[in-house]
Amino acid sequence: MSQSHGDPAVVSLTGELDAHTTMLAAQAVTACLAQVPRPQVLVVDLTHLRFLSVAGVRMLHDAVDHAAARNILIRIAASESPVVARALAVTGMDAVFDIYPDRVLAVNTGERAEFLRLAQEWRDD
C-alpha cells in the first residue's frame, strides 16, 4: 500500500483487500482525506489487487460516503481484473462508484471545479 498527498491524492492498494486488511486501507484513506489542504479528489488504485472481498467493498463504500460528507470525490482505478470487476459487479458497486480503467485516467480526469463550471453552463443554456 502506498499513498501520495496533493490533489488528487492517491492511495494505491496491492495484494488482497479483505477483512484482515481493510483497517490498514481505511487508515490510509482517512490520512489522505485529513491532509491540509484537503484534496478535492482521492484516487483509490485497485489495479494491483489480487483479491477483493465483500469486506473490502464495504470499506470502499464507507470511504466514498466519508469523503462525500467532506465534499471530496473518490475515484476508483480498477483495471480489467476479473477479480475486482466481479466483486464490484456482484455487490452492485460498479454502478455506484466512480470507476476508471487505470490510475492515469483517474488522476488526469478533469478537475472537479471545471466539471461543476461546465454543469452550471449547461443548466444556464
C-alpha atoms as a PDB file:
ATOM      1  CA  MET A   1       0.000   0.000   0.000  1.00  0.00           C
ATOM      2  CA  SER A   2       1.236   3.459  -0.814  1.00  0.00           C
ATOM      3  CA  GLN A   3      -0.219   6.930  -0.685  1.00  0.00           C
ATOM      4  CA  SER A   4       0.586  10.326  -2.094  1.00  0.00           C
ATOM      5  CA  HIS A   5      -0.579  13.718  -0.985  1.00  0.00           C
ATOM      6  CA  GLY A   6      -1.655  16.538  -3.221  1.00  0.00           C
ATOM      7  CA  ASP A   7      -4.661  16.947  -5.445  1.00  0.00           C
ATOM      8  CA  PRO A   8      -5.668  14.463  -6.425  1.00  0.00           C
ATOM      9  CA  ALA A   9      -4.319  12.378  -3.578  1.00  0.00           C
ATOM     10  CA  VAL A  10      -3.693   8.716  -4.393  1.00  0.00           C
ATOM     11  CA  VAL A  11      -3.907   5.544  -2.295  1.00  0.00           C
ATOM     12  CA  SER A  12      -2.578   2.500  -4.118  1.00  0.00           C
ATOM     13  CA  LEU A  13      -3.596  -0.908  -2.739  1.00  0.00           C
ATOM     14  CA  THR A  14      -1.817  -4.145  -3.579  1.00  0.00           C
ATOM     15  CA  GLY A  15      -2.342  -7.785  -2.728  1.00  0.00           C
ATOM     16  CA  GLU A  16      -5.642  -8.522  -1.014  1.00  0.00           C
ATOM     17  CA  LEU A  17      -8.323  -6.230   0.363  1.00  0.00           C
ATOM     18  CA  ASP A  18     -10.288  -8.357   2.790  1.00  0.00           C
ATOM     19  CA  ALA A  19     -11.401  -8.463   6.420  1.00  0.00           C
ATOM     20  CA  HIS A  20      -7.766  -8.682   7.558  1.00  0.00           C
ATOM     21  CA  THR A  21      -6.507  -5.678   5.590  1.00  0.00           C
ATOM     22  CA  THR A  22      -9.440  -3.252   5.486  1.00  0.00           C
ATOM     23  CA  MET A  23      -8.317  -1.417   8.622  1.00  0.00           C
ATOM     24  CA  LEU A  24      -4.939  -0.588   7.090  1.00  0.00           C
ATOM     25  CA  ALA A  25      -6.594   0.578   3.876  1.00  0.00           C
ATOM     26  CA  ALA A  26      -9.136   2.649   5.806  1.00  0.00           C
ATOM     27  CA  GLN A  27      -6.334   4.311   7.778  1.00  0.00           C
ATOM     28  CA  ALA A  28      -4.517   5.242   4.553  1.00  0.00           C
ATOM     29  CA  VAL A  29      -7.690   6.685   3.031  1.00  0.00           C
ATOM     30  CA  THR A  30      -8.500   8.595   6.225  1.00  0.00           C
ATOM     31  CA  ALA A  31      -4.982  10.066   6.320  1.00  0.00           C
ATOM     32  CA  CYS A  32      -5.341  11.328   2.750  1.00  0.00           C
ATOM     33  CA  LEU A  33      -8.775  12.800   3.437  1.00  0.00           C
ATOM     34  CA  ALA A  34      -7.447  14.607   6.518  1.00  0.00           C
ATOM     35  CA  GLN A  35      -4.495  16.295   4.818  1.00  0.00           C
ATOM     36  CA  VAL A  36      -4.348  20.068   4.769  1.00  0.00           C
ATOM     37  CA  PRO A  37      -5.350  21.480   2.423  1.00  0.00           C
ATOM     38  CA  ARG A  38      -7.983  18.854   1.757  1.00  0.00           C
ATOM     39  CA  PRO A  39      -7.857  17.302  -1.689  1.00  0.00           C
ATOM     40  CA  GLN A  40     -10.885  17.714  -3.921  1.00  0.00           C
ATOM     41  CA  VAL A  41     -10.273  14.222  -5.302  1.00  0.00           C
ATOM     42  CA  LEU A  42      -8.853  10.998  -3.881  1.00  0.00           C
ATOM     43  CA  VAL A  43      -7.939   8.208  -6.294  1.00  0.00           C
ATOM     44  CA  VAL A  44      -8.024   4.714  -4.790  1.00  0.00           C
ATOM     45  CA  ASP A  45      -5.958   2.495  -7.088  1.00  0.00           C
ATOM     46  CA  LEU A  46      -7.109  -1.143  -7.070  1.00  0.00           C
ATOM     47  CA  THR A  47      -5.264  -2.144 -10.244  1.00  0.00           C
ATOM     48  CA  HIS A  48      -2.795  -4.342  -8.347  1.00  0.00           C
ATOM     49  CA  LEU A  49      -5.282  -6.198  -6.152  1.00  0.00           C
ATOM     50  CA  ARG A  50      -5.324  -9.986  -6.410  1.00  0.00           C
ATOM     51  CA  PHE A  51      -8.433 -10.309  -4.238  1.00  0.00           C
ATOM     52  CA  LEU A  52     -11.302  -8.023  -3.220  1.00  0.00           C
ATOM     53  CA  SER A  53     -13.736  -9.336  -0.629  1.00  0.00           C
ATOM     54  CA  VAL A  54     -17.148  -8.036   0.366  1.00  0.00           C
ATOM     55  CA  ALA A  55     -15.476  -6.531   3.460  1.00  0.00           C
ATOM     56  CA  GLY A  56     -13.130  -4.638   1.135  1.00  0.00           C
ATOM     57  CA  VAL A  57     -16.016  -3.398  -0.999  1.00  0.00           C
ATOM     58  CA  ARG A  58     -17.840  -2.296   2.161  1.00  0.00           C
ATOM     59  CA  MET A  59     -14.748  -0.365   3.293  1.00  0.00           C
ATOM     60  CA  LEU A  60     -14.590   1.363  -0.103  1.00  0.00           C
ATOM     61  CA  HIS A  61     -18.279   2.264   0.120  1.00  0.00           C
ATOM     62  CA  ASP A  62     -17.774   3.689   3.622  1.00  0.00           C
ATOM     63  CA  ALA A  63     -14.779   5.672   2.332  1.00  0.00           C
ATOM     64  CA  VAL A  64     -16.864   7.134  -0.500  1.00  0.00           C
ATOM     65  CA  ASP A  65     -19.548   8.183   1.995  1.00  0.00           C
ATOM     66  CA  HIS A  66     -16.951   9.589   4.412  1.00  0.00           C
ATOM     67  CA  ALA A  67     -15.331  11.589   1.603  1.00  0.00           C
ATOM     68  CA  ALA A  68     -18.650  12.846   0.235  1.00  0.00           C
ATOM     69  CA  ALA A  69     -19.531  14.227   3.664  1.00  0.00           C
ATOM     70  CA  ARG A  70     -16.368  16.336   3.330  1.00  0.00           C
ATOM     71  CA  ASN A  71     -17.123  17.337  -0.261  1.00  0.00           C
ATOM     72  CA  ILE A  72     -14.296  15.130  -1.586  1.00  0.00           C
ATOM     73  CA  LEU A  73     -14.762  12.870  -4.604  1.00  0.00           C
ATOM     74  CA  ILE A  74     -13.289   9.365  -4.615  1.00  0.00           C
ATOM     75  CA  ARG A  75     -12.337   7.873  -7.961  1.00  0.00           C
ATOM     76  CA  ILE A  76     -11.658   4.144  -8.132  1.00  0.00           C
ATOM     77  CA  ALA A  77      -8.966   2.942 -10.539  1.00  0.00           C
ATOM     78  CA  ALA A  78      -9.808  -0.676 -11.287  1.00  0.00           C
ATOM     79  CA  SER A  79      -8.127  -2.447 -14.157  1.00  0.00           C
ATOM     80  CA  GLU A  80      -9.810  -5.052 -16.257  1.00  0.00           C
ATOM     81  CA  SER A  81      -9.019  -7.507 -13.452  1.00  0.00           C
ATOM     82  CA  PRO A  82     -11.828 -10.057 -13.329  1.00  0.00           C
ATOM     83  CA  VAL A  83     -11.393 -10.395  -9.563  1.00  0.00           C
ATOM     84  CA  VAL A  84     -12.047  -6.703  -8.883  1.00  0.00           C
ATOM     85  CA  ALA A  85     -14.687  -6.379 -11.606  1.00  0.00           C
ATOM     86  CA  ARG A  86     -16.590  -9.394 -10.282  1.00  0.00           C
ATOM     87  CA  ALA A  87     -16.551  -8.171  -6.671  1.00  0.00           C
ATOM     88  CA  LEU A  88     -17.811  -4.742  -7.705  1.00  0.00           C
ATOM     89  CA  ALA A  89     -20.468  -6.194 -10.021  1.00  0.00           C
ATOM     90  CA  VAL A  90     -21.779  -8.778  -7.550  1.00  0.00           C
ATOM     91  CA  THR A  91     -22.193  -6.120  -4.871  1.00  0.00           C
ATOM     92  CA  GLY A  92     -23.710  -3.589  -7.303  1.00  0.00           C
ATOM     93  CA  MET A  93     -20.969  -1.080  -6.543  1.00  0.00           C
ATOM     94  CA  ASP A  94     -19.886  -0.936 -10.172  1.00  0.00           C
ATOM     95  CA  ALA A  95     -22.975   1.235 -10.674  1.00  0.00           C
ATOM     96  CA  VAL A  96     -22.257   3.377  -7.602  1.00  0.00           C
ATOM     97  CA  PHE A  97     -18.515   4.033  -7.605  1.00  0.00           C
ATOM     98  CA  ASP A  98     -16.783   6.482  -9.949  1.00  0.00           C
ATOM     99  CA  ILE A  99     -14.650   3.817 -11.704  1.00  0.00           C
ATOM    100  CA  TYR A 100     -11.803   4.350 -14.169  1.00  0.00           C
ATOM    101  CA  PRO A 101      -9.879   1.672 -16.105  1.00  0.00           C
ATOM    102  CA  ASP A 102      -6.496   2.787 -14.791  1.00  0.00           C
ATOM    103  CA  ARG A 103      -4.729   5.132 -12.402  1.00  0.00           C
ATOM    104  CA  VAL A 104      -3.530   7.548 -15.083  1.00  0.00           C
ATOM    105  CA  LEU A 105      -7.046   8.216 -16.338  1.00  0.00           C
ATOM    106  CA  ALA A 106      -8.423   8.530 -12.797  1.00  0.00           C
ATOM    107  CA  VAL A 107      -5.726  11.054 -11.878  1.00  0.00           C
ATOM    108  CA  ASN A 108      -5.861  13.054 -15.106  1.00  0.00           C
ATOM    109  CA  THR A 109      -9.624  13.321 -15.489  1.00  0.00           C
ATOM    110  CA  GLY A 110     -10.764  16.940 -15.407  1.00  0.00           C
ATOM    111  CA  GLU A 111     -10.791  18.883 -12.199  1.00  0.00           C
ATOM    112  CA  ARG A 112     -13.975  18.865 -10.180  1.00  0.00           C
ATOM    113  CA  ALA A 113     -14.268  22.657 -10.275  1.00  0.00           C
ATOM    114  CA  GLU A 114     -14.136  22.549 -14.077  1.00  0.00           C
ATOM    115  CA  PHE A 115     -16.861  19.900 -14.150  1.00  0.00           C
ATOM    116  CA  LEU A 116     -19.069  21.980 -11.861  1.00  0.00           C
ATOM    117  CA  ARG A 117     -18.482  25.074 -14.003  1.00  0.00           C
ATOM    118  CA  LEU A 118     -19.472  23.172 -17.165  1.00  0.00           C
ATOM    119  CA  ALA A 119     -22.515  21.687 -15.455  1.00  0.00           C
ATOM    120  CA  GLN A 120     -23.635  25.185 -14.469  1.00  0.00           C
ATOM    121  CA  GLU A 121     -23.172  26.392 -18.057  1.00  0.00           C
ATOM    122  CA  TRP A 122     -25.310  23.514 -19.337  1.00  0.00           C
ATOM    123  CA  ARG A 123     -28.048  24.333 -16.840  1.00  0.00           C
ATOM    124  CA  ASP A 124     -27.961  28.007 -17.837  1.00  0.00           C
ATOM    125  CA  ASP A 125     -28.380  27.233 -21.560  1.00  0.00           C
END
